[in-house]
Protein backbone atom coordinates (compact mmCIF):
# COMPACT_ATOMS: atom_id res chain seq x y z
CA MET A 1 -9.03 23.52 -7.44
CA THR A 2 -6.44 23.29 -4.71
CA TYR A 3 -4.25 20.36 -3.90
CA PRO A 4 -3.17 18.70 -0.94
CA LYS A 5 -0.23 20.40 0.87
CA SER A 6 0.07 18.18 3.97
CA ASN A 7 -0.20 14.28 4.68
CA LEU A 8 -3.21 15.37 6.90
CA ASP A 9 -4.80 16.93 3.93
CA LEU A 10 -3.97 14.33 1.66
CA ASP A 11 -5.62 11.54 3.74
CA LYS A 12 -8.73 13.48 3.98
CA ARG A 13 -9.04 14.21 0.27
CA VAL A 14 -8.23 10.51 -0.79
CA GLU A 15 -10.84 9.34 1.95
CA TYR A 16 -13.45 11.83 0.65
CA THR A 17 -12.67 10.96 -3.01
CA MET A 18 -12.47 6.90 -2.42
CA ARG A 19 -16.00 7.06 -0.06
CA MET A 20 -17.90 9.52 -2.53
CA TYR A 21 -16.84 8.34 -5.79
CA HIS A 22 -15.04 4.69 -5.84
CA PHE A 23 -17.73 2.88 -3.62
CA GLY A 24 -18.23 -0.62 -5.07
CA TYR A 25 -16.21 -2.48 -7.86
CA ARG A 26 -18.24 -0.74 -10.56
CA ASN A 27 -16.61 2.62 -9.52
CA ARG A 28 -13.11 1.28 -9.30
CA ILE A 29 -10.38 3.46 -10.52
CA ALA A 30 -6.79 3.02 -11.86
CA ARG A 31 -4.06 4.41 -9.34
CA ASP A 32 -2.63 6.83 -12.00
CA ASP A 33 -6.02 8.15 -12.55
CA LEU A 34 -6.60 8.49 -8.95
CA ALA A 35 -3.20 10.30 -8.49
CA VAL A 36 -4.37 12.92 -11.33
CA LYS A 37 -7.63 13.45 -9.59
CA ILE A 38 -5.93 14.07 -6.19
CA TYR A 39 -2.72 16.19 -7.23
CA GLY A 40 -3.73 17.21 -10.74
CA ARG A 41 -1.13 16.76 -13.60
CA GLU A 42 1.76 17.93 -11.52
CA CYS A 43 2.08 14.47 -10.30
CA LEU A 44 3.01 13.05 -13.84
CA ASP A 45 6.55 12.90 -15.19
CA LYS A 46 7.19 13.89 -18.74
CA GLN A 47 6.25 10.28 -19.97
CA GLY A 48 3.11 10.73 -18.22
CA ASN A 49 3.63 8.13 -15.33
CA VAL A 50 3.42 9.05 -11.65
CA LYS A 51 6.22 10.42 -9.85
CA ASP A 52 7.55 7.84 -7.59
CA SER A 53 7.08 10.20 -4.50
CA TYR A 54 3.24 11.13 -5.20
CA ASP A 55 2.61 7.34 -5.78
CA ARG A 56 4.08 6.73 -2.63
CA LYS A 57 2.07 9.34 -0.69
CA LEU A 58 -0.94 8.01 -2.45
CA ARG A 59 -0.39 4.26 -1.52
CA ASP A 60 0.16 5.34 2.44
CA ALA A 61 -2.67 7.38 2.35
CA LEU A 62 -4.90 4.57 0.88
CA SER A 63 -3.49 2.19 3.30
CA GLU A 64 -5.26 3.53 6.06
CA LEU A 65 -8.88 3.01 4.40
CA PRO A 66 -10.68 0.06 3.76
CA VAL A 67 -9.72 0.13 0.28
CA ILE A 68 -9.04 -2.79 -2.03
CA TRP A 69 -7.17 -3.30 -5.50
CA GLN A 70 -9.20 -5.34 -8.08
CA ASP A 71 -8.66 -4.26 -11.55
CA GLY A 72 -8.59 -0.77 -9.81
CA TYR A 73 -9.08 0.75 -6.31
CA PHE A 74 -12.31 0.84 -4.67
CA ILE A 75 -13.89 0.40 -1.33
CA PRO A 76 -16.27 -2.64 -1.43
CA ALA A 77 -19.89 -2.33 -1.25
CA THR A 78 -20.50 -5.93 -0.12
CA ARG A 79 -18.42 -8.91 1.23
CA ARG A 80 -18.82 -10.80 -2.11
CA GLU A 81 -16.77 -7.62 -4.01
CA ALA A 82 -13.97 -8.16 -1.08
CA GLU A 83 -13.76 -12.07 -1.27
CA GLY A 84 -11.05 -12.46 -3.58
CA TYR A 85 -8.88 -9.62 -1.83
CA LEU A 86 -9.38 -11.02 1.65
CA GLY A 87 -8.54 -14.57 0.31
CA ARG A 88 -5.49 -13.30 -1.10
CA GLU A 89 -4.00 -11.46 1.75
CA ARG A 90 -4.89 -14.25 4.22
CA LYS A 91 -2.79 -16.31 2.24
CA LYS A 92 0.09 -13.87 2.41
CA ALA A 93 -0.21 -13.42 6.09
CA VAL A 94 -0.30 -16.98 6.56
CA SER A 95 2.87 -17.24 4.40
CA ILE A 96 4.78 -14.36 6.45
CA LEU A 97 3.82 -16.08 9.59
CA GLN A 98 5.20 -19.39 8.49
CA ARG A 99 8.67 -17.43 7.55
CA VAL A 100 8.50 -15.47 11.11
CA ARG A 101 8.05 -18.83 12.87
CA SER A 102 10.83 -20.61 10.70
CA VAL A 103 13.26 -17.91 11.45
CA GLU A 104 12.34 -17.94 15.11
CA ALA A 105 12.87 -21.61 15.65
CA HIS A 106 16.11 -21.38 13.99
CA LEU A 107 17.15 -18.53 16.42
CA ARG A 108 16.19 -20.68 19.39
CA THR A 109 18.54 -23.27 18.33
CA GLN A 110 21.43 -21.22 17.99
CA GLY A 111 21.61 -19.68 21.50
CA GLU A 112 23.76 -16.57 21.93
CA ARG A 113 26.57 -16.81 19.72
CA VAL A 114 28.87 -13.70 19.50
CA TRP A 115 30.52 -13.21 16.33
CA ILE A 116 33.84 -11.10 16.36
CA GLN A 117 35.25 -9.83 13.01
CA GLU A 118 38.79 -8.77 13.43
CA LYS A 119 40.12 -5.87 11.37
CA LEU A 120 43.02 -6.94 9.05
CA GLU A 121 45.57 -4.72 8.47
CA VAL A 122 47.56 -4.58 5.12
């Protein structure tokens, strides 16, 4: 078995693996198990946890796919399988948008202030 060497190789391998083996909730997979499936055991540290660098690359690859997490990663086979995930993501998006609007409103009231910090010599 050969393991991905570039981000493009990784993206293709993750996409293939998810579409072929993890389509639908019943075929979900834990992230650590997916990492071992993609990278082999080299991705594990001495305690058996996935090393941060491998985990980050895997999550980046997953973010480009229609993959959701609900008790494991999978590509939803039906809208019903995705409803809970979509609801949670919409709620997060609304919360983020509210915070952005709050900061923007605050900045509109501030005008253009210039803050000068003087260097104190001791």
